[in-house]
C-alpha atoms as a PDB file:
ATOM      1  CA  MET A   1     157.130 162.182 142.089  1.00  0.00           C
ATOM      2  CA  ILE A   2     156.212 161.860 138.246  1.00  0.00           C
ATOM      3  CA  ARG A   3     152.651 163.807 139.378  1.00  0.00           C
ATOM      4  CA  SER A   4     154.347 166.558 141.222  1.00  0.00           C
ATOM      5  CA  ALA A   5     156.449 167.342 138.569  1.00  0.00           C
ATOM      6  CA  LYS A   6     153.443 167.336 135.827  1.00  0.00           C
ATOM      7  CA  VAL A   7     151.996 169.675 138.074  1.00  0.00           C
ATOM      8  CA  ILE A   8     155.194 171.557 138.743  1.00  0.00           C
ATOM      9  CA  GLU A   9     154.933 172.127 134.961  1.00  0.00           C
ATOM     10  CA  ALA A  10     151.742 172.929 134.431  1.00  0.00           C
ATOM     11  CA  LEU A  11     151.907 175.610 137.171  1.00  0.00           C
ATOM     12  CA  THR A  12     155.413 177.186 135.549  1.00  0.00           C
ATOM     13  CA  LEU A  13     153.206 177.324 132.000  1.00  0.00           C
ATOM     14  CA  LEU A  14     150.283 179.106 133.838  1.00  0.00           C
ATOM     15  CA  LEU A  15     152.735 181.352 135.147  1.00  0.00           C
ATOM     16  CA  ALA A  16     154.249 181.888 131.955  1.00  0.00           C
ATOM     17  CA  LEU A  17     150.857 183.097 130.504  1.00  0.00           C
ATOM     18  CA  ALA A  18     150.212 184.954 133.019  1.00  0.00           C
ATOM     19  CA  ALA A  19     153.884 186.734 132.762  1.00  0.00           C
ATOM     20  CA  GLY A  20     152.908 187.675 128.506  1.00  0.00           C
ATOM     21  CA  GLY A  21     149.306 188.729 129.448  1.00  0.00           C
ATOM     22  CA  LEU A  22     151.315 191.242 132.076  1.00  0.00           C
ATOM     23  CA  LEU A  23     153.841 192.347 129.147  1.00  0.00           C
ATOM     24  CA  GLY A  24     151.235 192.848 126.648  1.00  0.00           C
ATOM     25  CA  ALA A  25     148.967 194.677 129.032  1.00  0.00           C
ATOM     26  CA  LEU A  26     152.256 197.041 129.388  1.00  0.00           C
ATOM     27  CA  PHE A  27     153.266 196.744 125.876  1.00  0.00           C
ATOM     28  CA  PHE A  28     149.779 197.733 124.842  1.00  0.00           C
ATOM     29  CA  GLY A  29     148.354 199.809 127.883  1.00  0.00           C
ATOM     30  CA  GLY A  30     151.790 202.070 127.196  1.00  0.00           C
ATOM     31  CA  LEU A  31     150.899 202.795 123.571  1.00  0.00           C
ATOM     32  CA  TRP A  32     147.400 203.294 124.346  1.00  0.00           C
ATOM     33  CA  TRP A  33     148.639 205.839 127.038  1.00  0.00           C
ATOM     34  CA  THR A  34     151.649 207.377 124.780  1.00  0.00           C
ATOM     35  CA  VAL A  35     148.913 208.534 121.921  1.00  0.00           C
ATOM     36  CA  ARG A  36     146.678 210.389 124.399  1.00  0.00           C
ATOM     37  CA  LYS A  37     149.916 211.996 126.052  1.00  0.00           C
ATOM     38  CA  GLY A  38     152.080 212.359 122.457  1.00  0.00           C
ATOM     39  CA  VAL A  39     148.983 213.867 120.078  1.00  0.00           C
ATOM     40  CA  SER A  40     148.105 216.610 122.485  1.00  0.00           C
ATOM     41  CA  SER A  41     152.212 217.339 123.288  1.00  0.00           C
ATOM     42  CA  ARG A  42     155.196 219.678 121.533  1.00  0.00           C
ATOM     43  CA  GLN A  43     157.237 216.902 120.656  1.00  0.00           C
ATOM     44  CA  PRO A  44     155.111 214.277 119.642  1.00  0.00           C
ATOM     45  CA  ALA A  45     157.657 212.383 117.873  1.00  0.00           C
ATOM     46  CA  LEU A  46     159.737 211.881 120.610  1.00  0.00           C
ATOM     47  CA  TRP A  47     157.134 210.381 122.729  1.00  0.00           C
ATOM     48  CA  PHE A  48     156.562 207.780 120.708  1.00  0.00           C
ATOM     49  CA  LEU A  49     160.139 206.571 119.592  1.00  0.00           C
ATOM     50  CA  GLY A  50     160.906 206.882 123.301  1.00  0.00           C
ATOM     51  CA  SER A  51     157.516 205.002 124.256  1.00  0.00           C
ATOM     52  CA  LEU A  52     158.894 202.180 121.569  1.00  0.00           C
ATOM     53  CA  LEU A  53     162.248 201.981 122.903  1.00  0.00           C
ATOM     54  CA  VAL A  54     161.127 201.354 126.618  1.00  0.00           C
ATOM     55  CA  ARG A  55     157.813 198.943 125.284  1.00  0.00           C
ATOM     56  CA  THR A  56     159.570 196.935 122.617  1.00  0.00           C
ATOM     57  CA  GLY A  57     162.639 196.602 125.017  1.00  0.00           C
ATOM     58  CA  ALA A  58     160.829 196.027 128.669  1.00  0.00           C
ATOM     59  CA  VAL A  59     159.042 193.185 126.171  1.00  0.00           C
ATOM     60  CA  LEU A  60     161.572 191.829 125.186  1.00  0.00           C
ATOM     61  CA  GLY A  61     163.507 191.452 127.889  1.00  0.00           C
ATOM     62  CA  GLY A  62     159.999 189.852 129.874  1.00  0.00           C
ATOM     63  CA  LEU A  63     159.727 187.159 126.755  1.00  0.00           C
ATOM     64  CA  TYR A  64     164.247 186.627 127.408  1.00  0.00           C
ATOM     65  CA  LEU A  65     163.092 185.669 131.427  1.00  0.00           C
ATOM     66  CA  VAL A  66     160.199 183.987 130.902  1.00  0.00           C
ATOM     67  CA  ALA A  67     161.516 181.754 128.152  1.00  0.00           C
ATOM     68  CA  ASN A  68     164.499 180.635 129.671  1.00  0.00           C
ATOM     69  CA  GLY A  69     165.852 179.046 126.681  1.00  0.00           C
ATOM     70  CA  ASP A  70     162.372 176.928 126.401  1.00  0.00           C
ATOM     71  CA  TRP A  71     160.282 177.283 123.889  1.00  0.00           C
ATOM     72  CA  GLN A  72     157.530 175.398 125.907  1.00  0.00           C
ATOM     73  CA  ARG A  73     157.196 178.606 127.959  1.00  0.00           C
ATOM     74  CA  LEU A  74     157.721 181.125 125.101  1.00  0.00           C
ATOM     75  CA  LEU A  75     154.794 179.969 123.778  1.00  0.00           C
ATOM     76  CA  PRO A  76     151.926 180.665 125.892  1.00  0.00           C
ATOM     77  CA  CYS A  77     153.699 183.776 127.135  1.00  0.00           C
ATOM     78  CA  LEU A  78     153.147 184.870 123.641  1.00  0.00           C
ATOM     79  CA  VAL A  79     150.035 183.720 123.661  1.00  0.00           C
ATOM     80  CA  GLY A  80     149.368 185.311 126.973  1.00  0.00           C
ATOM     81  CA  PHE A  81     150.583 188.492 125.140  1.00  0.00           C
ATOM     82  CA  VAL A  82     148.432 188.597 122.516  1.00  0.00           C
ATOM     83  CA  MET A  83     145.047 188.081 125.022  1.00  0.00           C
ATOM     84  CA  ALA A  84     146.269 191.138 126.579  1.00  0.00           C
ATOM     85  CA  GLN A  85     146.215 192.770 123.117  1.00  0.00           C
ATOM     86  CA  LEU A  86     142.676 191.937 122.671  1.00  0.00           C
ATOM     87  CA  VAL A  87     141.691 192.848 126.216  1.00  0.00           C
ATOM     88  CA  VAL A  88     143.507 196.171 125.625  1.00  0.00           C
ATOM     89  CA  THR A  89     141.660 197.003 122.579  1.00  0.00           C
ATOM     90  CA  ARG A  90     138.230 196.033 123.805  1.00  0.00           C
ATOM     91  CA  LEU A  91     139.173 197.979 127.012  1.00  0.00           C
ATOM     92  CA  THR A  92     140.236 201.128 125.173  1.00  0.00           C
ATOM     93  CA  ARG A  93     137.314 201.877 122.495  1.00  0.00           C
ATOM     94  CA  PRO A  94     135.491 204.972 123.165  1.00  0.00           C
ATOM     95  CA  THR A  95     131.948 204.392 124.155  1.00  0.00           C
ATOM     96  CA  GLY A  96     129.034 205.061 121.789  1.00  0.00           C
ATOM     97  CA  ASP A  97     131.834 204.111 118.654  1.00  0.00           C
ATOM     98  CA  PRO A  98     130.353 201.427 116.670  1.00  0.00           C
ATOM     99  CA  GLN A  99     133.101 198.439 116.125  1.00  0.00           C
ATOM    100  CA  ILE A 100     135.631 199.812 113.075  1.00  0.00           C
ATOM    101  CA  ARG A 101     134.630 197.460 110.264  1.00  0.00           C
ATOM    102  CA  PRO A 102     136.477 197.641 106.888  1.00  0.00           C
ATOM    103  CA  SER A 103     134.610 198.528 104.345  1.00  0.00           C
ATOM    104  CA  ARG A 104     132.719 196.737 101.186  1.00  0.00           C
ATOM    105  CA  GLU A 105     134.995 197.380  97.980  1.00  0.00           C
ATOM    106  CA  ALA A 106     132.595 197.071  94.651  1.00  0.00           C
ATOM    107  CA  GLY A 107     132.243 193.968  92.827  1.00  0.00           C
ATOM    108  CA  HIS A 108     132.745 196.025  89.757  1.00  0.00           C
ATOM    109  CA  ALA A 109     134.259 198.929  87.723  1.00  0.00           C
ATOM    110  CA  PRO A 110     132.504 202.605  87.918  1.00  0.00           C
END
């Protein structure tokens, strides 16, 4: 009996991780889509503001549903969200562009 409860809890945490990944893909994939549409739009502010409200509302609602008042479900959900951000960033990077690196600062005054 105790073993099946632990299996069910582990499965619940894995599902929370997957739900976080889905929410992250929705948020960051939606951001990528919005930038592509918004820069060529006649009203980019409307695109960006509307997208921000929809994406944020969907993610907050999803986090609320997944957590269901339990921080132990919220944590893997947030980890999945961050992992999705890394994946979407890598997948949407233009091909042929070197990875963007911060410029070196001078070690002394000119």
